[in-house]
């Protein structure tokens, strides 16, 4: 598969052979598993203290011949606190009792991470990368763009240090409408989420894959809904937000050459 290489002025300057990973068959079920796997790795175990509500003298005596027996006393036969001289206290330990245990507390030992084999994850990543070259899938996600995908830009783009210059470059590539759509679609999160970090839901727009440590990494991330990452930090969630493959992606020419070399090795 070949793709055109565009300059920062939006003009096609050459063509290049894409790495073989772009010829991979797109399998949405594998991509979804990879996204859920990455999300589950960030889950934190939570749970109550195992003896919470149980550290009490309360005990139920069933036989009426026993000392402290509750039968035939005209009260509910439930675990009650032991008081001096065989008297009864409050009902304890039960979920409906004051200071009692919880009925179904979260279990801190529960396995939260959805595990995925390394080869299976690598296959899912190849599928997610190949999905960025499918015009049908990119359009199905609702991205606004002009021309063909994947979008390859010259390595000179990586030296841009100003957000306004990045915006000017992608406008010439016909991608600014997607950023504007994300900006206009930004809204406050519902409920208590508005008080949490960010407090806004921002639709995803363009993903920039550039060389690590370049100036464009800081310049491009300020665009609405945009993400910027290097090949090393690329993951399934960036390529397929919400487990839906086909994100609008701008690939740097140097990154694709790096991918091609890595596959030959």
Protein backbone atom coordinates (compact mmCIF):
# COMPACT_ATOMS: atom_id res chain seq x y z
CA UNK A 1 0.00 0.00 0.00
CA UNK A 2 1.24 3.48 -0.91
CA UNK A 3 0.34 6.85 0.55
CA UNK A 4 1.07 10.42 -0.41
CA UNK A 5 3.42 12.50 1.72
CA UNK A 6 2.20 16.06 2.31
CA UNK A 7 4.15 19.15 3.23
CA UNK A 8 3.14 21.53 6.01
CA UNK A 9 1.72 23.74 3.23
CA UNK A 10 -0.75 20.98 2.39
CA UNK A 11 0.82 20.04 -0.95
CA UNK A 12 1.62 16.48 -1.99
CA UNK A 13 5.38 16.29 -2.41
CA UNK A 14 6.00 12.54 -2.82
CA UNK A 15 4.72 9.01 -2.26
CA UNK A 16 6.00 6.33 0.07
CA UNK A 17 5.41 2.65 0.61
CA UNK A 18 3.60 2.07 3.87
CA UNK A 19 4.80 -0.60 6.34
CA UNK A 20 3.15 -4.02 6.01
CA UNK A 21 1.22 -3.45 9.23
CA UNK A 22 -1.25 -1.29 7.28
CA UNK A 23 -2.26 -4.36 5.22
CA UNK A 24 -3.45 -6.21 8.34
CA UNK A 25 -7.08 -7.36 8.48
CA UNK A 26 -9.09 -5.17 10.87
CA UNK A 27 -10.69 -7.20 13.66
CA UNK A 28 -12.86 -4.98 15.89
CA UNK A 29 -13.34 -7.66 18.57
CA UNK A 30 -9.57 -7.89 19.11
CA UNK A 31 -9.22 -4.11 19.27
CA UNK A 32 -12.01 -3.90 21.85
CA UNK A 33 -10.28 -6.53 24.01
CA UNK A 34 -7.03 -4.58 23.86
CA UNK A 35 -8.77 -1.33 24.89
CA UNK A 36 -10.53 -3.01 27.82
CA UNK A 37 -7.24 -4.65 28.82
CA UNK A 38 -5.48 -1.28 28.94
CA UNK A 39 -8.32 0.35 30.87
CA UNK A 40 -8.50 -2.45 33.43
CA UNK A 41 -4.80 -2.11 34.24
CA UNK A 42 -5.57 1.27 35.81
CA UNK A 43 -8.27 -0.06 38.13
CA UNK A 44 -7.46 0.10 41.84
CA UNK A 45 -8.64 -2.65 44.19
CA UNK A 46 -11.03 -1.45 46.84
CA UNK A 47 -12.81 -3.12 49.74
CA UNK A 48 -13.84 -2.92 53.37
CA UNK A 49 -11.92 -4.29 56.33
CA UNK A 50 -12.85 -7.97 56.55
CA UNK A 51 -13.73 -7.77 60.27
CA UNK A 52 -15.62 -4.47 60.02
CA UNK A 53 -18.81 -4.71 62.08
CA UNK A 54 -17.85 -8.14 63.47
CA UNK A 55 -15.59 -7.07 66.35
CA UNK A 56 -18.22 -7.23 69.07
CA UNK A 57 -19.32 -9.48 71.91
CA UNK A 58 -22.67 -10.09 70.24
CA UNK A 59 -23.65 -13.76 69.95
CA UNK A 60 -26.81 -15.73 69.32
CA UNK A 61 -27.71 -18.48 71.76
CA UNK A 62 -30.20 -20.87 70.22
CA UNK A 63 -30.93 -23.33 73.06
CA UNK A 64 -33.22 -21.93 75.71
CA UNK A 65 -31.38 -23.89 78.40
CA UNK A 66 -28.13 -22.03 77.66
CA UNK A 67 -26.90 -19.12 79.73
CA UNK A 68 -27.83 -15.87 77.96
CA UNK A 69 -30.43 -17.71 75.87
CA UNK A 70 -32.76 -15.39 73.94
CA UNK A 71 -35.69 -17.76 73.47
CA UNK A 72 -38.95 -17.05 75.31
CA UNK A 73 -37.82 -13.53 76.27
CA UNK A 74 -40.31 -11.66 74.10
CA UNK A 75 -37.57 -10.13 71.94
CA UNK A 76 -36.20 -10.88 68.50
CA UNK A 77 -33.78 -13.80 68.48
CA UNK A 78 -30.77 -12.05 66.95
CA UNK A 79 -27.10 -11.70 67.94
CA UNK A 80 -27.01 -9.24 70.82
CA UNK A 81 -24.24 -7.65 72.87
CA UNK A 82 -23.32 -9.39 76.10
CA UNK A 83 -23.85 -7.20 79.17
CA UNK A 84 -23.02 -7.98 82.83
CA UNK A 85 -25.24 -10.41 84.79
CA UNK A 86 -26.55 -12.16 81.66
CA UNK A 87 -28.34 -9.11 80.24
CA UNK A 88 -28.73 -8.34 76.54
CA UNK A 89 -27.51 -5.31 74.61
CA UNK A 90 -28.16 -4.03 71.13
CA UNK A 91 -28.39 -6.21 68.04
CA UNK A 92 -25.02 -6.22 66.27
CA UNK A 93 -23.15 -7.87 63.35
CA UNK A 94 -26.17 -8.01 61.01
CA UNK A 95 -26.31 -5.76 57.91
CA UNK A 96 -29.50 -4.03 59.06
CA UNK A 97 -28.18 -3.37 62.59
CA UNK A 98 -26.54 -0.12 63.63
CA UNK A 99 -22.77 -0.59 63.40
CA UNK A 100 -23.22 -3.96 61.71
CA UNK A 101 -21.32 -5.42 58.79
CA UNK A 102 -22.07 -4.51 55.20
CA UNK A 103 -24.28 -6.91 53.27
CA UNK A 104 -22.19 -7.23 50.11
CA UNK A 105 -18.96 -5.25 50.49
CA UNK A 106 -16.51 -4.98 47.57
CA UNK A 107 -13.88 -7.69 47.64
CA UNK A 108 -10.30 -6.36 47.49
CA UNK A 109 -9.10 -9.75 46.24
CA UNK A 110 -11.31 -9.63 43.15
CA UNK A 111 -9.39 -9.91 39.87
CA UNK A 112 -10.05 -6.63 38.03
CA UNK A 113 -7.53 -6.82 35.20
CA UNK A 114 -8.65 -8.37 31.95
CA UNK A 115 -5.53 -10.22 30.91
CA UNK A 116 -4.42 -10.50 27.30
CA UNK A 117 -1.67 -12.55 25.73
CA UNK A 118 1.29 -10.64 24.32
CA UNK A 119 0.84 -12.04 20.81
CA UNK A 120 -2.88 -11.32 20.93
CA UNK A 121 -2.22 -7.73 22.03
CA UNK A 122 0.38 -7.26 19.29
CA UNK A 123 -2.16 -8.51 16.75
CA UNK A 124 -4.77 -6.08 18.11
CA UNK A 125 -2.33 -3.18 17.81
CA UNK A 126 -1.62 -4.07 14.18
CA UNK A 127 -5.36 -4.17 13.51
CA UNK A 128 -5.85 -0.77 15.17
CA UNK A 129 -3.04 0.76 13.11
CA UNK A 130 -4.46 -0.72 9.91
CA UNK A 131 -7.89 0.73 10.77
CA UNK A 132 -6.46 4.25 10.50
CA UNK A 133 -5.94 3.56 6.78
CA UNK A 134 -9.61 2.64 6.20
CA UNK A 135 -11.59 5.60 4.90
CA UNK A 136 -14.83 3.79 5.72
CA UNK A 137 -13.94 3.21 9.38
CA UNK A 138 -12.56 6.73 9.87
CA UNK A 139 -15.75 8.20 8.42
CA UNK A 140 -17.89 5.86 10.53
CA UNK A 141 -16.34 7.33 13.68
CA UNK A 142 -17.68 10.71 12.61
CA UNK A 143 -14.37 12.39 11.76
CA UNK A 144 -14.44 15.30 9.32
CA UNK A 145 -11.59 15.18 6.82
CA UNK A 146 -10.84 15.73 3.18
CA UNK A 147 -8.84 13.41 0.95
CA UNK A 148 -7.56 9.93 1.62
CA UNK A 149 -6.18 8.18 4.69
CA UNK A 150 -3.71 7.49 6.16
CA UNK A 151 -2.44 11.06 6.28
CA UNK A 152 1.35 11.23 6.11
CA UNK A 153 3.13 14.53 6.73
CA UNK A 154 6.75 15.43 6.13
CA UNK A 155 9.26 15.22 8.98
CA UNK A 156 9.54 19.03 8.98
CA UNK A 157 6.21 19.06 10.86
CA UNK A 158 7.98 17.72 13.97
CA UNK A 159 10.01 20.92 14.35
CA UNK A 160 6.91 23.16 14.70
CA UNK A 161 6.93 24.67 18.19
CA UNK A 162 3.78 26.84 18.12
CA UNK A 163 0.19 25.63 18.34
CA UNK A 164 -0.99 28.24 15.84
CA UNK A 165 1.51 26.91 13.29
CA UNK A 166 0.25 23.34 13.84
CA UNK A 167 -3.32 24.60 13.39
CA UNK A 168 -2.33 26.33 10.15
CA UNK A 169 -0.71 23.12 8.86
CA UNK A 170 -3.68 20.87 9.57
CA UNK A 171 -6.08 23.45 8.14
CA UNK A 172 -4.23 23.17 4.85
CA UNK A 173 -4.57 19.38 5.13
CA UNK A 174 -8.34 19.75 5.58
CA UNK A 175 -8.46 18.53 9.17
CA UNK A 176 -9.37 21.71 11.02
CA UNK A 177 -13.09 20.99 10.74
CA UNK A 178 -12.62 17.90 12.91
CA UNK A 179 -10.87 19.96 15.60
CA UNK A 180 -13.65 22.56 15.48
CA UNK A 181 -16.22 19.79 15.81
CA UNK A 182 -14.46 18.58 18.95
CA UNK A 183 -14.29 22.11 20.38
CA UNK A 184 -17.98 22.71 19.75
CA UNK A 185 -18.90 19.31 21.18
CA UNK A 186 -17.13 19.90 24.49
CA UNK A 187 -19.54 19.87 27.43
CA UNK A 188 -19.47 19.69 31.21
CA UNK A 189 -19.59 16.24 32.73
CA UNK A 190 -22.82 15.26 34.41
CA UNK A 191 -23.30 14.90 38.17
CA UNK A 192 -20.32 14.98 40.51
CA UNK A 193 -18.04 14.38 37.52
CA UNK A 194 -18.00 18.11 36.83
CA UNK A 195 -15.97 18.56 40.01
CA UNK A 196 -13.40 15.96 39.06
CA UNK A 197 -10.21 16.42 37.08
CA UNK A 198 -10.99 18.24 33.86
CA UNK A 199 -14.71 18.28 34.51
CA UNK A 200 -15.42 18.24 30.75
CA UNK A 201 -16.17 15.63 28.11
CA UNK A 202 -14.11 16.40 25.00
CA UNK A 203 -14.76 14.37 21.83
CA UNK A 204 -11.58 12.92 20.35
CA UNK A 205 -10.29 14.54 17.17
CA UNK A 206 -6.89 14.11 15.47
CA UNK A 207 -4.13 11.80 16.68
CA UNK A 208 -0.57 12.89 15.84
CA UNK A 209 2.11 10.19 15.83
CA UNK A 210 5.49 11.91 15.79
CA UNK A 211 9.07 11.32 16.85
CA UNK A 212 9.64 11.23 20.60
CA UNK A 213 10.92 14.46 22.15
CA UNK A 214 10.17 16.67 19.13
CA UNK A 215 8.81 20.20 19.45
CA UNK A 216 5.45 19.30 17.91
CA UNK A 217 4.58 17.07 20.86
CA UNK A 218 3.86 20.11 23.03
CA UNK A 219 2.50 22.30 20.25
CA UNK A 220 -0.12 19.91 18.87
CA UNK A 221 -1.55 18.70 22.19
CA UNK A 222 -3.30 22.06 22.77
CA UNK A 223 -5.74 21.49 19.91
CA UNK A 224 -9.25 20.49 21.02
CA UNK A 225 -9.60 16.72 21.33
CA UNK A 226 -6.16 16.06 19.85
CA UNK A 227 -3.65 13.54 21.20
CA UNK A 228 0.06 13.43 20.47
CA UNK A 229 2.29 10.43 21.07
CA UNK A 230 5.41 8.73 19.85
CA UNK A 231 5.59 5.26 18.36
CA UNK A 232 6.86 3.94 21.70
CA UNK A 233 3.84 5.26 23.63
CA UNK A 234 1.21 4.32 21.03
CA UNK A 235 -1.58 2.17 22.48
CA UNK A 236 -5.00 0.83 21.55
CA UNK A 237 -6.92 3.50 23.48
CA UNK A 238 -5.35 6.29 21.43
CA UNK A 239 -5.90 4.48 18.14
CA UNK A 240 -9.45 3.39 18.98
CA UNK A 241 -11.07 5.62 21.64
CA UNK A 242 -14.15 3.96 23.08
CA UNK A 243 -13.02 0.68 21.45
CA UNK A 244 -14.15 2.02 18.05
CA UNK A 245 -11.39 1.59 15.43
CA UNK A 246 -10.57 4.11 12.73
CA UNK A 247 -9.29 7.25 14.44
CA UNK A 248 -8.24 10.13 12.22
CA UNK A 249 -4.43 9.91 12.47
CA UNK A 250 -1.61 12.04 11.12
CA UNK A 251 1.57 9.99 10.74
CA UNK A 252 4.97 11.60 10.55
CA UNK A 253 7.10 10.40 7.66
CA UNK A 254 9.99 9.63 10.02
CA UNK A 255 7.75 7.46 12.24
CA UNK A 256 6.61 5.34 9.29
CA UNK A 257 10.21 4.84 8.22
CA UNK A 258 11.01 3.76 11.78
CA UNK A 259 8.13 1.27 11.68
CA UNK A 260 9.33 -0.17 8.37
CA UNK A 261 12.85 -0.69 9.72
CA UNK A 262 11.52 -2.35 12.88
CA UNK A 263 9.47 -4.84 10.83
CA UNK A 264 12.46 -5.79 8.67
CA UNK A 265 14.42 -6.60 11.82
